[in-house]
Amino acid sequence: MRRSLLLAFVSTFAVASVALAATGTKAPRSTLAQAVDQTNRARTMRYAMAITVLAVDHPSITLRVQGERGRGSLFVHVRALANTTPGAEQSALLDGPFLYEGSPNGVAVSGKVRWLRLPVARIGTQARPIETMHNLSPAPLLRVLDEWRRVRTRSANGVFEGTVAYDDAIVQTALAGLAGGVQFRDVRFSAHIGTDGYVHDVRITGRTPDGKRTLLVVAHMYAFGRPVTPRLPAEGTFVDQKLIGLAE
């Protein structure tokens, strides 16, 4: 159980794996850079993502992610699909001083136990499970948008489209986190900013140097500023890492 399925998803993913629109009349006053910053600073949000790698002569692999970010909390539920066949799924919750890792497919490990609780102070904020959770959030996509050379421009309808340099260090790091270290080139994006100034939709595409794999990431962010109450596992459904040998 300690060998996080979230990490396994990204590892499997690795194996499988310039214009500005300016029409309309209701123009958000913010630039793309300002919208990215405001979205990053949003205290709460909910989001849905689909990360797909299409490979020549191999099944496509998609990760469908549902998540919510609150004050001091991050919840991620991820499900893998090969072509359209559902695969394994797992949830993880980072809440203040603790990280809760759900068992694969939510299957009870012992009695009613479905979660492993790990103190963040013990594993560190840079621990791989925590890093993976952030990689499966909108944060990497926003970093890609912020590297656009025209990021300080505005769009009359809040829609932006463009390309970013695939060899930019920030772009490489962001996409590697999404797809398990695979390098993608010809990185293109589209983004939509709402009249509230937040980034609501992002679409990013890319391809490997040999052209045999393509990346498609689609994300929708919503419910900015609305209350988020982390649903902590109930007593008796989780165990602490130090109490049971699930850590290895």
Protein backbone atom coordinates (compact mmCIF):
# COMPACT_ATOMS: atom_id res chain seq x y z
CA MET A 1 0.00 0.00 0.00
CA ARG A 2 2.91 2.34 0.74
CA ARG A 3 4.13 1.93 -2.82
CA SER A 4 1.75 4.58 -3.98
CA LEU A 5 -0.36 3.72 -6.99
CA LEU A 6 -0.22 7.39 -7.93
CA LEU A 7 3.51 6.96 -8.51
CA ALA A 8 2.90 3.76 -10.43
CA PHE A 9 0.43 5.57 -12.70
CA VAL A 10 3.02 8.16 -13.66
CA SER A 11 5.69 5.49 -14.23
CA THR A 12 3.34 3.54 -16.49
CA PHE A 13 2.55 6.76 -18.31
CA ALA A 14 6.22 7.22 -19.09
CA VAL A 15 6.46 3.77 -20.64
CA ALA A 16 3.31 4.29 -22.71
CA SER A 17 4.13 7.17 -23.42
CA VAL A 18 1.78 31.17 -32.25
CA ALA A 19 -1.27 33.12 -32.11
CA LEU A 20 -3.47 35.24 -29.82
CA ALA A 21 -7.24 35.03 -30.25
CA ALA A 22 -8.90 38.44 -29.95
CA THR A 23 -12.60 38.44 -30.73
CA GLY A 24 -15.74 39.22 -28.79
CA THR A 25 -16.67 42.19 -26.64
CA LYS A 26 -16.44 41.18 -22.96
CA ALA A 27 -12.75 41.54 -22.28
CA PRO A 28 -11.26 40.44 -18.97
CA ARG A 29 -9.00 43.24 -17.82
CA SER A 30 -6.28 40.85 -16.72
CA THR A 31 -3.43 39.66 -18.88
CA LEU A 32 -2.75 35.96 -19.11
CA ALA A 33 0.10 36.41 -16.61
CA GLN A 34 -2.23 38.13 -14.14
CA ALA A 35 -4.86 35.40 -14.56
CA VAL A 36 -2.26 32.67 -13.95
CA ASP A 37 -1.09 34.46 -10.81
CA GLN A 38 -4.63 34.96 -9.52
CA THR A 39 -5.47 31.30 -10.17
CA ASN A 40 -2.32 30.14 -8.40
CA ARG A 41 -3.25 32.27 -5.40
CA ALA A 42 -6.87 31.10 -5.23
CA ARG A 43 -7.44 29.79 -1.72
CA THR A 44 -9.88 27.17 -2.91
CA MET A 45 -10.80 25.56 -6.23
CA ARG A 46 -12.03 22.34 -7.76
CA TYR A 47 -10.76 20.84 -10.97
CA ALA A 48 -11.06 17.98 -13.44
CA MET A 49 -8.23 16.82 -15.70
CA ALA A 50 -7.67 14.24 -18.40
CA ILE A 51 -4.06 13.39 -19.27
CA THR A 52 -3.75 11.20 -22.36
CA VAL A 53 -0.77 9.70 -24.15
CA LEU A 54 -1.44 8.26 -27.60
CA ALA A 55 1.27 5.88 -28.84
CA VAL A 56 1.79 4.24 -32.21
CA ASP A 57 1.06 0.49 -32.00
CA HIS A 58 0.20 0.74 -28.30
CA PRO A 59 -3.04 1.32 -26.39
CA SER A 60 -3.72 4.90 -25.40
CA ILE A 61 -3.42 5.61 -21.71
CA THR A 62 -5.52 8.22 -19.94
CA LEU A 63 -5.47 9.43 -16.37
CA ARG A 64 -8.71 11.03 -15.27
CA VAL A 65 -8.22 13.24 -12.24
CA GLN A 66 -10.74 14.88 -9.94
CA GLY A 67 -9.38 17.17 -7.29
CA GLU A 68 -9.97 20.05 -4.95
CA ARG A 69 -7.62 22.45 -3.26
CA GLY A 70 -8.49 24.09 0.02
CA ARG A 71 -6.71 26.07 2.68
CA GLY A 72 -3.86 23.77 3.61
CA SER A 73 -5.39 20.77 1.86
CA LEU A 74 -5.26 19.00 -1.49
CA PHE A 75 -7.41 16.04 -2.52
CA VAL A 76 -6.73 13.98 -5.65
CA HIS A 77 -8.63 11.02 -7.08
CA VAL A 78 -7.06 9.43 -10.15
CA ARG A 79 -8.32 6.65 -12.40
CA ALA A 80 -6.36 5.02 -15.20
CA LEU A 81 -7.87 3.89 -18.49
CA ALA A 82 -6.22 1.86 -21.25
CA ASN A 83 -8.09 2.85 -24.39
CA THR A 84 -11.58 3.02 -22.88
CA THR A 85 -11.16 0.14 -20.42
CA PRO A 86 -11.22 1.31 -16.79
CA GLY A 87 -8.17 0.37 -14.76
CA ALA A 88 -6.94 0.94 -11.24
CA GLU A 89 -7.83 4.03 -9.24
CA GLN A 90 -6.65 5.65 -6.04
CA SER A 91 -7.24 8.68 -3.84
CA ALA A 92 -4.85 10.74 -1.76
CA LEU A 93 -5.48 13.58 0.67
CA LEU A 94 -2.96 16.07 1.97
CA ASP A 95 -4.44 17.83 4.99
CA GLY A 96 -2.23 20.00 7.18
CA PRO A 97 0.29 17.78 8.99
CA PHE A 98 -0.84 14.49 7.44
CA LEU A 99 -0.86 12.74 4.08
CA TYR A 100 -3.51 10.04 3.64
CA GLU A 101 -2.89 7.48 0.90
CA GLY A 102 -5.88 5.43 -0.15
CA SER A 103 -5.61 1.74 -0.92
CA PRO A 104 -5.78 0.78 -4.62
CA ASN A 105 -9.39 0.80 -5.79
CA GLY A 106 -10.45 1.58 -2.22
CA VAL A 107 -10.23 -2.09 -1.25
CA ALA A 108 -9.97 -2.68 2.49
CA VAL A 109 -6.51 -3.93 3.47
CA SER A 110 -7.34 -5.15 6.97
CA GLY A 111 -10.86 -5.02 8.28
CA LYS A 112 -12.12 -1.55 7.40
CA VAL A 113 -8.68 -0.02 6.82
CA ARG A 114 -8.48 1.77 3.47
CA TRP A 115 -6.01 4.56 4.22
CA LEU A 116 -2.43 4.90 5.35
CA ARG A 117 -1.64 8.09 7.31
CA LEU A 118 1.84 9.56 7.11
CA PRO A 119 3.10 12.61 9.03
CA VAL A 120 4.38 15.24 6.61
CA ALA A 121 7.03 16.22 9.14
CA ARG A 122 8.48 12.71 8.86
CA ILE A 123 8.41 12.22 5.08
CA GLY A 124 9.07 15.86 4.13
CA THR A 125 7.13 18.24 1.93
CA GLN A 126 9.20 17.13 -1.08
CA ALA A 127 8.33 13.44 -0.67
CA ARG A 128 7.47 11.71 -3.94
CA PRO A 129 3.81 11.03 -3.07
CA ILE A 130 3.28 14.73 -2.29
CA GLU A 131 5.17 15.79 -5.40
CA THR A 132 3.02 13.43 -7.48
CA MET A 133 -0.16 14.94 -6.05
CA HIS A 134 0.96 18.42 -7.09
CA ASN A 135 1.91 17.08 -10.53
CA LEU A 136 -1.68 15.85 -10.88
CA SER A 137 -3.05 19.31 -10.14
CA PRO A 138 -3.39 22.37 -12.44
CA ALA A 139 -0.11 23.79 -11.10
CA PRO A 140 2.13 22.35 -13.88
CA LEU A 141 -0.26 23.59 -16.57
CA LEU A 142 -0.23 27.10 -15.14
CA ARG A 143 3.57 27.06 -15.13
CA VAL A 144 3.54 26.20 -18.83
CA LEU A 145 1.17 29.08 -19.60
CA ASP A 146 3.34 31.49 -17.66
CA GLU A 147 6.31 30.71 -19.94
CA TRP A 148 4.55 31.99 -23.05
CA ARG A 149 6.48 34.90 -24.59
CA ARG A 150 3.27 36.94 -24.90
CA VAL A 151 1.98 36.15 -21.44
CA ARG A 152 1.51 39.84 -20.62
CA THR A 153 -0.96 40.45 -23.44
CA ARG A 154 -4.75 40.57 -23.25
CA SER A 155 -7.50 38.92 -25.27
CA ALA A 156 -10.87 40.48 -26.05
CA ASN A 157 -12.74 37.27 -25.23
CA GLY A 158 -10.34 35.77 -22.71
CA VAL A 159 -9.12 33.07 -25.10
CA PHE A 160 -5.38 32.63 -25.64
CA GLU A 161 -3.57 30.26 -27.99
CA GLY A 162 0.13 29.83 -28.59
CA THR A 163 3.26 27.73 -28.38
CA VAL A 164 5.98 27.52 -25.74
CA ALA A 165 9.59 26.44 -26.08
CA TYR A 166 9.77 22.73 -25.29
CA ASP A 167 13.38 23.10 -24.09
CA ASP A 168 12.50 25.79 -21.56
CA ALA A 169 13.56 24.36 -18.19
CA ILE A 170 10.23 25.18 -16.51
CA VAL A 171 8.19 23.71 -19.37
CA GLN A 172 10.30 20.55 -19.38
CA THR A 173 9.91 20.09 -15.63
CA ALA A 174 6.16 20.71 -15.72
CA LEU A 175 5.48 18.27 -18.55
CA ALA A 176 7.85 15.65 -17.13
CA GLY A 177 5.85 15.69 -13.90
CA LEU A 178 2.64 15.10 -15.84
CA ALA A 179 3.98 12.29 -18.03
CA GLY A 180 6.66 10.53 -16.05
CA GLY A 181 9.74 12.19 -17.51
CA VAL A 182 8.95 11.79 -21.21
CA GLN A 183 10.06 14.78 -23.29
CA PHE A 184 7.47 16.32 -25.58
CA ARG A 185 8.11 18.89 -28.31
CA ASP A 186 5.89 21.17 -30.40
CA VAL A 187 4.12 22.18 -27.19
CA ARG A 188 0.94 24.11 -27.92
CA PHE A 189 -1.71 25.45 -25.58
CA SER A 190 -5.06 27.15 -25.44
CA ALA A 191 -6.48 28.77 -22.33
CA HIS A 192 -9.71 30.50 -21.39
CA ILE A 193 -9.99 33.19 -18.74
CA GLY A 194 -13.39 33.90 -17.24
CA THR A 195 -14.74 37.36 -16.52
CA ASP A 196 -13.77 36.69 -12.89
CA GLY A 197 -10.10 36.81 -13.90
CA TYR A 198 -9.36 33.14 -13.23
CA VAL A 199 -8.06 30.59 -15.72
CA HIS A 200 -10.96 28.19 -16.24
CA ASP A 201 -9.84 25.91 -19.06
CA VAL A 202 -6.46 24.75 -20.35
CA ARG A 203 -5.55 22.46 -23.22
CA ILE A 204 -1.94 21.43 -23.90
CA THR A 205 -0.59 19.17 -26.64
CA GLY A 206 2.86 17.89 -27.56
CA ARG A 207 4.69 15.07 -29.30
CA THR A 208 7.86 13.08 -28.67
CA PRO A 209 10.91 13.73 -30.92
CA ASP A 210 10.25 10.53 -32.87
CA GLY A 211 6.59 11.41 -33.34
CA LYS A 212 5.44 8.06 -31.94
CA ARG A 213 3.73 9.47 -28.87
CA THR A 214 1.51 12.49 -28.46
CA LEU A 215 0.35 14.18 -25.28
CA LEU A 216 -3.05 15.74 -24.68
CA VAL A 217 -3.92 17.41 -21.38
CA VAL A 218 -7.32 19.00 -20.80
CA ALA A 219 -8.20 20.69 -17.52
CA HIS A 220 -11.22 22.54 -16.19
CA MET A 221 -10.99 24.65 -13.02
CA TYR A 222 -14.04 25.97 -11.21
CA ALA A 223 -15.64 26.85 -7.85
CA PHE A 224 -12.95 29.40 -7.04
CA GLY A 225 -13.26 30.70 -3.49
CA ARG A 226 -16.08 28.38 -2.53
CA PRO A 227 -15.71 26.50 0.77
CA VAL A 228 -13.74 23.25 0.64
CA THR A 229 -14.03 20.92 3.62
CA PRO A 230 -11.59 17.99 3.45
CA ARG A 231 -13.37 14.67 3.95
CA LEU A 232 -11.00 13.06 6.42
CA PRO A 233 -11.04 9.25 6.65
CA ALA A 234 -13.16 8.11 9.58
CA GLU A 235 -11.59 6.58 12.67
CA GLY A 236 -10.95 2.90 12.13
CA THR A 237 -10.50 3.29 8.36
CA PHE A 238 -6.86 4.43 8.49
CA VAL A 239 -3.65 3.36 10.19
CA ASP A 240 -0.48 5.25 10.94
CA GLN A 241 2.67 4.28 9.11
CA LYS A 242 4.48 3.41 12.33
CA LEU A 243 1.74 1.06 13.49
CA ILE A 244 1.56 -1.40 10.63
CA GLY A 245 3.94 -2.90 8.10
CA LEU A 246 2.24 -1.39 5.07
CA ALA A 247 5.10 0.96 4.48
CA GLU A 248 7.10 -1.38 2.26
